[in-house]
PDB file of N, CA and C in Angstrom:
ATOM      1  N   ALA A   1       0.815  -1.191   0.000  1.00  0.00           N
ATOM      2  CA  ALA A   1       0.000   0.000   0.000  1.00  0.00           C
ATOM      3  C   ALA A   1       0.867   1.267   0.000  1.00  0.00           C
ATOM      4  N   ILE A   2       2.048   1.216   0.590  1.00  0.00           N
ATOM      5  CA  ILE A   2       2.883   2.414   0.672  1.00  0.00           C
ATOM      6  C   ILE A   2       3.415   2.827  -0.696  1.00  0.00           C
ATOM      7  N   ILE A   3       3.656   1.870  -1.578  1.00  0.00           N
ATOM      8  CA  ILE A   3       4.138   2.213  -2.917  1.00  0.00           C
ATOM      9  C   ILE A   3       3.065   3.000  -3.665  1.00  0.00           C
ATOM     10  N   GLY A   4       1.823   2.557  -3.573  1.00  0.00           N
ATOM     11  CA  GLY A   4       0.726   3.281  -4.202  1.00  0.00           C
ATOM     12  C   GLY A   4       0.541   4.664  -3.617  1.00  0.00           C
ATOM     13  N   LEU A   5       0.710   4.780  -2.316  1.00  0.00           N
ATOM     14  CA  LEU A   5       0.586   6.077  -1.650  1.00  0.00           C
ATOM     15  C   LEU A   5       1.680   7.040  -2.119  1.00  0.00           C
ATOM     16  N   GLU A   6       2.903   6.550  -2.232  1.00  0.00           N
ATOM     17  CA  GLU A   6       4.006   7.383  -2.714  1.00  0.00           C
ATOM     18  C   GLU A   6       3.797   7.779  -4.174  1.00  0.00           C
ATOM     19  N   LEU A   7       3.309   6.852  -4.997  1.00  0.00           N
ATOM     20  CA  LEU A   7       3.044   7.164  -6.393  1.00  0.00           C
ATOM     21  C   LEU A   7       1.965   8.236  -6.511  1.00  0.00           C
ATOM     22  N   ARG A   8       0.912   8.114  -5.726  1.00  0.00           N
ATOM     23  CA  ARG A   8      -0.160   9.117  -5.726  1.00  0.00           C
ATOM     24  C   ARG A   8       0.389  10.470  -5.274  1.00  0.00           C
ATOM     25  N   ALA A   9       1.265  10.493  -4.259  1.00  0.00           N
ATOM     26  CA  ALA A   9       1.837  11.751  -3.768  1.00  0.00           C
ATOM     27  C   ALA A   9       2.686  12.429  -4.843  1.00  0.00           C
ATOM     28  N   LEU A  10       3.500  11.656  -5.563  1.00  0.00           N
ATOM     29  CA  LEU A  10       4.311  12.229  -6.648  1.00  0.00           C
ATOM     30  C   LEU A  10       3.426  12.776  -7.752  1.00  0.00           C
ATOM     31  N   TRP A  11       2.350  12.077  -8.047  1.00  0.00           N
ATOM     32  CA  TRP A  11       1.430  12.535  -9.085  1.00  0.00           C
ATOM     33  C   TRP A  11       0.777  13.853  -8.670  1.00  0.00           C
ATOM     34  N   LEU A  12       0.365  13.954  -7.408  1.00  0.00           N
ATOM     35  CA  LEU A  12      -0.271  15.175  -6.922  1.00  0.00           C
ATOM     36  C   LEU A  12       0.700  16.356  -6.907  1.00  0.00           C
ATOM     37  N   GLN A  13       1.997  16.083  -6.759  1.00  0.00           N
ATOM     38  CA  GLN A  13       3.009  17.140  -6.770  1.00  0.00           C
ATOM     39  C   GLN A  13       3.429  17.509  -8.192  1.00  0.00           C
ATOM     40  N   ASN A  14       2.830  16.837  -9.192  1.00  0.00           N
ATOM     41  CA  ASN A  14       3.127  17.103 -10.591  1.00  0.00           C
ATOM     42  C   ASN A  14       4.594  16.821 -10.932  1.00  0.00           C
ATOM     43  N   VAL A  15       5.145  15.787 -10.323  1.00  0.00           N
ATOM     44  CA  VAL A  15       6.530  15.405 -10.575  1.00  0.00           C
ATOM     45  C   VAL A  15       6.627  14.823 -11.983  1.00  0.00           C
ATOM     46  N   GLY A  16       7.618  15.253 -12.750  1.00  0.00           N
ATOM     47  CA  GLY A  16       7.780  14.783 -14.123  1.00  0.00           C
ATOM     48  C   GLY A  16       8.870  13.743 -14.242  1.00  0.00           C
ATOM     49  N   GLU A  17       8.923  13.173 -15.417  1.00  0.00           N
ATOM     50  CA  GLU A  17       9.999  12.236 -15.719  1.00  0.00           C
ATOM     51  C   GLU A  17      11.319  12.990 -15.736  1.00  0.00           C
ATOM     52  N   ASN A  18      12.390  12.318 -15.391  1.00  0.00           N
ATOM     53  CA  ASN A  18      13.705  12.946 -15.361  1.00  0.00           C
ATOM     54  C   ASN A  18      14.377  12.791 -16.735  1.00  0.00           C
ATOM     55  N   HIS A  19      13.779  13.450 -17.745  1.00  0.00           N
ATOM     56  CA  HIS A  19      14.303  13.384 -19.102  1.00  0.00           C
ATOM     57  C   HIS A  19      14.337  14.789 -19.690  1.00  0.00           C
ATOM     58  N   GLU A  20      15.184  14.990 -20.667  1.00  0.00           N
ATOM     59  CA  GLU A  20      15.244  16.280 -21.343  1.00  0.00           C
ATOM     60  C   GLU A  20      14.092  16.467 -22.329  1.00  0.00           C
ATOM     61  N   SER A  21      13.320  15.426 -22.569  1.00  0.00           N
ATOM     62  CA  SER A  21      12.254  15.496 -23.565  1.00  0.00           C
ATOM     63  C   SER A  21      11.015  16.227 -23.054  1.00  0.00           C
ATOM     64  N   ASN A  22      11.048  16.697 -21.816  1.00  0.00           N
ATOM     65  CA  ASN A  22       9.930  17.416 -21.215  1.00  0.00           C
ATOM     66  C   ASN A  22       8.626  16.619 -21.264  1.00  0.00           C
ATOM     67  N   LEU A  23       8.714  15.361 -20.953  1.00  0.00           N
ATOM     68  CA  LEU A  23       7.514  14.531 -20.896  1.00  0.00           C
ATOM     69  C   LEU A  23       6.582  15.054 -19.811  1.00  0.00           C
ATOM     70  N   PRO A  24       5.293  14.796 -19.928  1.00  0.00           N
ATOM     71  CA  PRO A  24       4.370  15.245 -18.884  1.00  0.00           C
ATOM     72  C   PRO A  24       4.656  14.547 -17.561  1.00  0.00           C
ATOM     73  N   HIS A  25       4.022  15.038 -16.524  1.00  0.00           N
ATOM     74  CA  HIS A  25       4.265  14.438 -15.204  1.00  0.00           C
ATOM     75  C   HIS A  25       3.902  12.962 -15.217  1.00  0.00           C
ATOM     76  N   ILE A  26       4.490  12.243 -14.293  1.00  0.00           N
ATOM     77  CA  ILE A  26       4.275  10.795 -14.252  1.00  0.00           C
ATOM     78  C   ILE A  26       2.810  10.493 -13.977  1.00  0.00           C
ATOM     79  N   GLY A  27       2.362   9.407 -14.484  1.00  0.00           N
ATOM     80  CA  GLY A  27       0.982   8.986 -14.269  1.00  0.00           C
ATOM     81  C   GLY A  27       0.868   8.110 -13.034  1.00  0.00           C
ATOM     82  N   LEU A  28      -0.252   7.479 -12.916  1.00  0.00           N
ATOM     83  CA  LEU A  28      -0.498   6.607 -11.775  1.00  0.00           C
ATOM     84  C   LEU A  28      -0.283   5.145 -12.121  1.00  0.00           C
ATOM     85  N   ASP A  29       0.274   4.881 -13.305  1.00  0.00           N
ATOM     86  CA  ASP A  29       0.538   3.519 -13.734  1.00  0.00           C
ATOM     87  C   ASP A  29       1.964   3.150 -13.347  1.00  0.00           C
ATOM     88  N   CYS A  30       2.132   1.963 -12.811  1.00  0.00           N
ATOM     89  CA  CYS A  30       3.487   1.516 -12.485  1.00  0.00           C
ATOM     90  C   CYS A  30       3.666   0.088 -12.984  1.00  0.00           C
ATOM     91  N   TRP A  31       4.870  -0.197 -13.455  1.00  0.00           N
ATOM     92  CA  TRP A  31       5.187  -1.527 -13.960  1.00  0.00           C
ATOM     93  C   TRP A  31       5.576  -2.419 -12.792  1.00  0.00           C
ATOM     94  N   SER A  32       4.574  -2.951 -12.148  1.00  0.00           N
ATOM     95  CA  SER A  32       4.822  -3.761 -10.970  1.00  0.00           C
ATOM     96  C   SER A  32       3.544  -4.513 -10.638  1.00  0.00           C
ATOM     97  N   PRO A  33       3.597  -5.657 -10.093  1.00  0.00           N
ATOM     98  CA  PRO A  33       4.755  -6.475  -9.710  1.00  0.00           C
ATOM     99  C   PRO A  33       5.223  -7.373 -10.853  1.00  0.00           C
ATOM    100  N   ASN A  34       6.405  -7.935 -10.677  1.00  0.00           N
ATOM    101  CA  ASN A  34       6.938  -8.923 -11.597  1.00  0.00           C
ATOM    102  C   ASN A  34       6.420 -10.278 -11.129  1.00  0.00           C
ATOM    103  N   ILE A  35       5.570 -10.898 -11.924  1.00  0.00           N
ATOM    104  CA  ILE A  35       4.971 -12.171 -11.505  1.00  0.00           C
ATOM    105  C   ILE A  35       5.458 -13.338 -12.343  1.00  0.00           C
ATOM    106  N   ASN A  36       6.602 -13.185 -12.968  1.00  0.00           N
ATOM    107  CA  ASN A  36       7.129 -14.264 -13.782  1.00  0.00           C
ATOM    108  C   ASN A  36       7.459 -15.468 -12.909  1.00  0.00           C
ATOM    109  N   VAL A  37       7.193 -16.658 -13.431  1.00  0.00           N
ATOM    110  CA  VAL A  37       7.543 -17.890 -12.733  1.00  0.00           C
ATOM    111  C   VAL A  37       9.032 -18.134 -12.935  1.00  0.00           C
ATOM    112  N   VAL A  38       9.767 -18.327 -11.856  1.00  0.00           N
ATOM    113  CA  VAL A  38      11.206 -18.569 -11.939  1.00  0.00           C
ATOM    114  C   VAL A  38      11.422 -19.970 -12.490  1.00  0.00           C
ATOM    115  N   ARG A  39      11.997 -20.041 -13.681  1.00  0.00           N
ATOM    116  CA  ARG A  39      12.226 -21.340 -14.306  1.00  0.00           C
ATOM    117  C   ARG A  39      13.699 -21.653 -14.471  1.00  0.00           C
ATOM    118  N   ASP A  40      14.524 -20.636 -14.551  1.00  0.00           N
ATOM    119  CA  ASP A  40      15.931 -20.850 -14.846  1.00  0.00           C
ATOM    120  C   ASP A  40      16.769 -19.875 -14.032  1.00  0.00           C
ATOM    121  N   PRO A  41      17.646 -20.371 -13.166  1.00  0.00           N
ATOM    122  CA  PRO A  41      18.448 -19.479 -12.324  1.00  0.00           C
ATOM    123  C   PRO A  41      19.399 -18.590 -13.118  1.00  0.00           C
ATOM    124  N   ARG A  42      19.656 -18.898 -14.378  1.00  0.00           N
ATOM    125  CA  ARG A  42      20.534 -18.067 -15.201  1.00  0.00           C
ATOM    126  C   ARG A  42      19.844 -16.797 -15.681  1.00  0.00           C
ATOM    127  N   TRP A  43      18.543 -16.657 -15.455  1.00  0.00           N
ATOM    128  CA  TRP A  43      17.797 -15.494 -15.929  1.00  0.00           C
ATOM    129  C   TRP A  43      18.371 -14.214 -15.357  1.00  0.00           C
ATOM    130  N   GLY A  44      18.801 -14.217 -14.110  1.00  0.00           N
ATOM    131  CA  GLY A  44      19.457 -13.064 -13.517  1.00  0.00           C
ATOM    132  C   GLY A  44      18.536 -12.089 -12.807  1.00  0.00           C
ATOM    133  N   ARG A  45      17.226 -12.271 -12.909  1.00  0.00           N
ATOM    134  CA  ARG A  45      16.288 -11.362 -12.245  1.00  0.00           C
ATOM    135  C   ARG A  45      15.381 -12.128 -11.284  1.00  0.00           C
ATOM    136  N   ASN A  46      15.859 -13.252 -10.813  1.00  0.00           N
ATOM    137  CA  ASN A  46      15.042 -14.106  -9.966  1.00  0.00           C
ATOM    138  C   ASN A  46      14.675 -13.469  -8.634  1.00  0.00           C
ATOM    139  N   LEU A  47      15.472 -12.527  -8.154  1.00  0.00           N
ATOM    140  CA  LEU A  47      15.148 -11.872  -6.890  1.00  0.00           C
ATOM    141  C   LEU A  47      13.909 -11.002  -6.996  1.00  0.00           C
ATOM    142  N   GLU A  48      13.521 -10.636  -8.221  1.00  0.00           N
ATOM    143  CA  GLU A  48      12.338  -9.806  -8.436  1.00  0.00           C
ATOM    144  C   GLU A  48      11.048 -10.610  -8.420  1.00  0.00           C
ATOM    145  N   THR A  49      11.142 -11.902  -8.497  1.00  0.00           N
ATOM    146  CA  THR A  49       9.960 -12.741  -8.638  1.00  0.00           C
ATOM    147  C   THR A  49       9.672 -13.492  -7.336  1.00  0.00           C
ATOM    148  N   PRO A  50       8.403 -13.804  -7.083  1.00  0.00           N
ATOM    149  CA  PRO A  50       8.059 -14.409  -5.806  1.00  0.00           C
ATOM    150  C   PRO A  50       8.339 -15.897  -5.688  1.00  0.00           C
ATOM    151  N   SER A  51       8.315 -16.665  -6.783  1.00  0.00           N
ATOM    152  CA  SER A  51       8.371 -18.111  -6.599  1.00  0.00           C
ATOM    153  C   SER A  51       8.543 -18.854  -7.911  1.00  0.00           C
ATOM    154  N   GLU A  52       8.769 -20.153  -7.790  1.00  0.00           N
ATOM    155  CA  GLU A  52       8.724 -21.067  -8.925  1.00  0.00           C
ATOM    156  C   GLU A  52       7.327 -21.642  -9.096  1.00  0.00           C
ATOM    157  N   ASP A  53       6.479 -21.431  -8.121  1.00  0.00           N
ATOM    158  CA  ASP A  53       5.135 -21.994  -8.093  1.00  0.00           C
ATOM    159  C   ASP A  53       4.129 -21.029  -8.732  1.00  0.00           C
ATOM    160  N   PRO A  54       3.457 -21.431  -9.808  1.00  0.00           N
ATOM    161  CA  PRO A  54       2.490 -20.540 -10.453  1.00  0.00           C
ATOM    162  C   PRO A  54       1.373 -20.073  -9.513  1.00  0.00           C
ATOM    163  N   TYR A  55       0.947 -20.931  -8.594  1.00  0.00           N
ATOM    164  CA  TYR A  55      -0.105 -20.537  -7.657  1.00  0.00           C
ATOM    165  C   TYR A  55       0.377 -19.398  -6.756  1.00  0.00           C
ATOM    166  N   VAL A  56       1.583 -19.531  -6.229  1.00  0.00           N
ATOM    167  CA  VAL A  56       2.140 -18.488  -5.357  1.00  0.00           C
ATOM    168  C   VAL A  56       2.317 -17.189  -6.141  1.00  0.00           C
ATOM    169  N   CYS A  57       2.808 -17.284  -7.386  1.00  0.00           N
ATOM    170  CA  CYS A  57       2.966 -16.084  -8.217  1.00  0.00           C
ATOM    171  C   CYS A  57       1.625 -15.402  -8.441  1.00  0.00           C
ATOM    172  N   GLY A  58       0.578 -16.191  -8.687  1.00  0.00           N
ATOM    173  CA  GLY A  58      -0.751 -15.629  -8.896  1.00  0.00           C
ATOM    174  C   GLY A  58      -1.294 -14.939  -7.662  1.00  0.00           C
ATOM    175  N   LYS A  59      -1.161 -15.591  -6.502  1.00  0.00           N
ATOM    176  CA  LYS A  59      -1.631 -14.991  -5.247  1.00  0.00           C
ATOM    177  C   LYS A  59      -0.839 -13.729  -4.918  1.00  0.00           C
ATOM    178  N   PHE A  60       0.468 -13.777  -5.121  1.00  0.00           N
ATOM    179  CA  PHE A  60       1.313 -12.615  -4.876  1.00  0.00           C
ATOM    180  C   PHE A  60       0.897 -11.450  -5.761  1.00  0.00           C
ATOM    181  N   GLY A  61       0.726 -11.722  -7.062  1.00  0.00           N
ATOM    182  CA  GLY A  61       0.327 -10.680  -8.003  1.00  0.00           C
ATOM    183  C   GLY A  61      -1.014 -10.067  -7.645  1.00  0.00           C
ATOM    184  N   ALA A  62      -1.966 -10.901  -7.245  1.00  0.00           N
ATOM    185  CA  ALA A  62      -3.293 -10.403  -6.880  1.00  0.00           C
ATOM    186  C   ALA A  62      -3.234  -9.532  -5.630  1.00  0.00           C
ATOM    187  N   GLU A  63      -2.588  -9.996  -4.597  1.00  0.00           N
ATOM    188  CA  GLU A  63      -2.532  -9.241  -3.336  1.00  0.00           C
ATOM    189  C   GLU A  63      -1.706  -7.966  -3.475  1.00  0.00           C
ATOM    190  N   TYR A  64      -0.608  -8.038  -4.197  1.00  0.00           N
ATOM    191  CA  TYR A  64       0.226  -6.858  -4.440  1.00  0.00           C
ATOM    192  C   TYR A  64      -0.577  -5.803  -5.182  1.00  0.00           C
ATOM    193  N   SER A  65      -1.309  -6.235  -6.209  1.00  0.00           N
ATOM    194  CA  SER A  65      -2.119  -5.309  -6.998  1.00  0.00           C
ATOM    195  C   SER A  65      -3.215  -4.673  -6.163  1.00  0.00           C
ATOM    196  N   ILE A  66      -3.881  -5.461  -5.348  1.00  0.00           N
ATOM    197  CA  ILE A  66      -4.937  -4.933  -4.476  1.00  0.00           C
ATOM    198  C   ILE A  66      -4.364  -3.901  -3.513  1.00  0.00           C
ATOM    199  N   GLY A  67      -3.221  -4.219  -2.912  1.00  0.00           N
ATOM    200  CA  GLY A  67      -2.591  -3.289  -1.978  1.00  0.00           C
ATOM    201  C   GLY A  67      -2.145  -2.001  -2.642  1.00  0.00           C
ATOM    202  N   LEU A  68      -1.666  -2.102  -3.873  1.00  0.00           N
ATOM    203  CA  LEU A  68      -1.200  -0.924  -4.590  1.00  0.00           C
ATOM    204  C   LEU A  68      -2.358  -0.051  -5.056  1.00  0.00           C
ATOM    205  N   GLN A  69      -3.427  -0.665  -5.498  1.00  0.00           N
ATOM    206  CA  GLN A  69      -4.533   0.075  -6.096  1.00  0.00           C
ATOM    207  C   GLN A  69      -5.536   0.621  -5.094  1.00  0.00           C
ATOM    208  N   ASN A  70      -5.770  -0.073  -4.007  1.00  0.00           N
ATOM    209  CA  ASN A  70      -6.805   0.345  -3.061  1.00  0.00           C
ATOM    210  C   ASN A  70      -6.249   1.324  -2.034  1.00  0.00           C
ATOM    211  N   GLY A  71      -6.765   2.541  -2.087  1.00  0.00           N
ATOM    212  CA  GLY A  71      -6.342   3.573  -1.147  1.00  0.00           C
ATOM    213  C   GLY A  71      -7.444   3.873  -0.143  1.00  0.00           C
ATOM    214  N   THR A  72      -7.387   5.058   0.416  1.00  0.00           N
ATOM    215  CA  THR A  72      -8.361   5.441   1.439  1.00  0.00           C
ATOM    216  C   THR A  72      -9.680   5.904   0.845  1.00  0.00           C
ATOM    217  N   ASP A  73      -9.682   6.335  -0.416  1.00  0.00           N
ATOM    218  CA  ASP A  73     -10.905   6.808  -1.062  1.00  0.00           C
ATOM    219  C   ASP A  73     -11.372   5.745  -2.056  1.00  0.00           C
ATOM    220  N   GLU A  74     -12.473   5.098  -1.762  1.00  0.00           N
ATOM    221  CA  GLU A  74     -12.958   4.003  -2.593  1.00  0.00           C
ATOM    222  C   GLU A  74     -13.395   4.445  -3.994  1.00  0.00           C
ATOM    223  N   ARG A  75     -13.577   5.740  -4.204  1.00  0.00           N
ATOM    224  CA  ARG A  75     -14.015   6.237  -5.511  1.00  0.00           C
ATOM    225  C   ARG A  75     -12.895   6.222  -6.539  1.00  0.00           C
ATOM    226  N   TYR A  76     -11.653   6.192  -6.098  1.00  0.00           N
ATOM    227  CA  TYR A  76     -10.513   6.298  -7.011  1.00  0.00           C
ATOM    228  C   TYR A  76      -9.503   5.192  -6.751  1.00  0.00           C
ATOM    229  N   LEU A  77      -8.798   4.800  -7.822  1.00  0.00           N
ATOM    230  CA  LEU A  77      -7.653   3.922  -7.639  1.00  0.00           C
ATOM    231  C   LEU A  77      -6.496   4.758  -7.106  1.00  0.00           C
ATOM    232  N   GLN A  78      -5.782   4.202  -6.168  1.00  0.00           N
ATOM    233  CA  GLN A  78      -4.602   4.892  -5.647  1.00  0.00           C
ATOM    234  C   GLN A  78      -3.491   4.880  -6.681  1.00  0.00           C
ATOM    235  N   ALA A  79      -3.361   3.781  -7.395  1.00  0.00           N
ATOM    236  CA  ALA A  79      -2.387   3.610  -8.470  1.00  0.00           C
ATOM    237  C   ALA A  79      -2.923   2.522  -9.385  1.00  0.00           C
ATOM    238  N   VAL A  80      -2.300   2.376 -10.535  1.00  0.00           N
ATOM    239  CA  VAL A  80      -2.714   1.347 -11.490  1.00  0.00           C
ATOM    240  C   VAL A  80      -1.545   0.400 -11.695  1.00  0.00           C
ATOM    241  N   THR A  81      -1.779  -0.875 -11.502  1.00  0.00           N
ATOM    242  CA  THR A  81      -0.707  -1.850 -11.671  1.00  0.00           C
ATOM    243  C   THR A  81      -0.690  -2.382 -13.100  1.00  0.00           C
ATOM    244  N   THR A  82       0.507  -2.634 -13.581  1.00  0.00           N
ATOM    245  CA  THR A  82       0.716  -3.303 -14.861  1.00  0.00           C
ATOM    246  C   THR A  82       1.669  -4.456 -14.576  1.00  0.00           C
ATOM    247  N   LEU A  83       1.129  -5.655 -14.592  1.00  0.00           N
ATOM    248  CA  LEU A  83       1.934  -6.826 -14.269  1.00  0.00           C
ATOM    249  C   LEU A  83       3.047  -7.007 -15.297  1.00  0.00           C
ATOM    250  N   LYS A  84       4.216  -7.423 -14.811  1.00  0.00           N
ATOM    251  CA  LYS A  84       5.395  -7.533 -15.664  1.00  0.00           C
ATOM    252  C   LYS A  84       5.787  -8.991 -15.898  1.00  0.00           C
ATOM    253  N   HIS A  85       6.276  -9.250 -17.083  1.00  0.00           N
ATOM    254  CA  HIS A  85       6.974 -10.494 -17.415  1.00  0.00           C
ATOM    255  C   HIS A  85       6.158 -11.746 -17.145  1.00  0.00           C
ATOM    256  N   PHE A  86       4.858 -11.692 -17.433  1.00  0.00           N
ATOM    257  CA  PHE A  86       4.032 -12.863 -17.140  1.00  0.00           C
ATOM    258  C   PHE A  86       4.509 -14.100 -17.891  1.00  0.00           C
ATOM    259  N   THR A  87       4.928 -13.940 -19.134  1.00  0.00           N
ATOM    260  CA  THR A  87       5.410 -15.091 -19.898  1.00  0.00           C
ATOM    261  C   THR A  87       6.766 -14.867 -20.543  1.00  0.00           C
ATOM    262  N   ALA A  88       7.368 -13.716 -20.337  1.00  0.00           N
ATOM    263  CA  ALA A  88       8.597 -13.383 -21.059  1.00  0.00           C
ATOM    264  C   ALA A  88       9.730 -14.348 -20.780  1.00  0.00           C
ATOM    265  N   ASN A  89       9.837 -14.859 -19.567  1.00  0.00           N
ATOM    266  CA  ASN A  89      10.927 -15.770 -19.258  1.00  0.00           C
ATOM    267  C   ASN A  89      10.697 -17.148 -19.860  1.00  0.00           C
ATOM    268  N   SER A  90       9.515 -17.406 -20.398  1.00  0.00           N
ATOM    269  CA  SER A  90       9.230 -18.690 -21.015  1.00  0.00           C
ATOM    270  C   SER A  90       9.713 -18.762 -22.460  1.00  0.00           C
ATOM    271  N   LEU A  91      10.124 -17.623 -23.013  1.00  0.00           N
ATOM    272  CA  LEU A  91      10.575 -17.608 -24.397  1.00  0.00           C
ATOM    273  C   LEU A  91      11.947 -18.264 -24.513  1.00  0.00           C
ATOM    274  N   GLU A  92      12.108 -19.039 -25.549  1.00  0.00           N
ATOM    275  CA  GLU A  92      13.381 -19.696 -25.805  1.00  0.00           C
ATOM    276  C   GLU A  92      13.992 -19.102 -27.065  1.00  0.00           C
ATOM    277  N   GLY A  93      15.287 -19.076 -27.140  1.00  0.00           N
ATOM    278  CA  GLY A  93      15.960 -18.587 -28.330  1.00  0.00           C
ATOM    279  C   GLY A  93      16.302 -17.113 -28.228  1.00  0.00           C
ATOM    280  N   PRO A  94      16.942 -16.569 -29.276  1.00  0.00           N
ATOM    281  CA  PRO A  94      17.366 -15.166 -29.251  1.00  0.00           C
ATOM    282  C   PRO A  94      16.181 -14.211 -29.402  1.00  0.00           C
ATOM    283  N   TRP A  95      16.229 -13.086 -28.703  1.00  0.00           N
ATOM    284  CA  TRP A  95      15.160 -12.105 -28.742  1.00  0.00           C
ATOM    285  C   TRP A  95      15.015 -11.469 -30.121  1.00  0.00           C
ATOM    286  N   TYR A  96      16.083 -11.383 -30.871  1.00  0.00           N
ATOM    287  CA  TYR A  96      16.059 -10.680 -32.148  1.00  0.00           C
ATOM    288  C   TYR A  96      15.542 -11.546 -33.297  1.00  0.00           C
ATOM    289  N   ALA A  97      15.251 -12.786 -33.054  1.00  0.00           N
ATOM    290  CA  ALA A  97      14.869 -13.707 -34.134  1.00  0.00           C
ATOM    291  C   ALA A  97      13.401 -13.565 -34.513  1.00  0.00           C
ATOM    292  N   ASN A  98      13.082 -12.844 -35.517  1.00  0.00           N
ATOM    293  CA  ASN A  98      11.779 -12.731 -36.167  1.00  0.00           C
ATOM    294  C   ASN A  98      10.545 -12.999 -35.314  1.00  0.00           C
ATOM    295  N   GLY A  99      10.641 -12.972 -34.042  1.00  0.00           N
ATOM    296  CA  GLY A  99       9.477 -13.165 -33.196  1.00  0.00           C
ATOM    297  C   GLY A  99       9.005 -14.602 -33.094  1.00  0.00           C
ATOM    298  N   SER A 100       9.740 -15.563 -33.637  1.00  0.00           N
ATOM    299  CA  SER A 100       9.319 -16.957 -33.530  1.00  0.00           C
ATOM    300  C   SER A 100      10.238 -17.687 -32.567  1.00  0.00           C
ATOM    301  N   TYR A 101       9.627 -18.315 -31.589  1.00  0.00           N
ATOM    302  CA  TYR A 101      10.420 -19.015 -30.560  1.00  0.00           C
ATOM    303  C   TYR A 101       9.972 -20.442 -30.445  1.00  0.00           C
TER     304      TYR A 101
END
């Protein structure tokens, strides 16, 4: 819940992206949580994921999203979650290869 609260606070302060492109202030969407199933320890991002168990990943993703989105005012979302890497680690082969794996 604290991540959503901090995101909402930054949005209310009109904090912008730290780029020279003068992008508009950040929105309430965040790329979190990472719910990828850990299948291969060589992936290198295993600390970001909750488990090797799909059930645990699903429960984690659901509860994390609820905590991030539900704030003190039921009329509004506190933040918007965008789940990351749901199937990306399941791809085999080089990323640059014509999209066929």
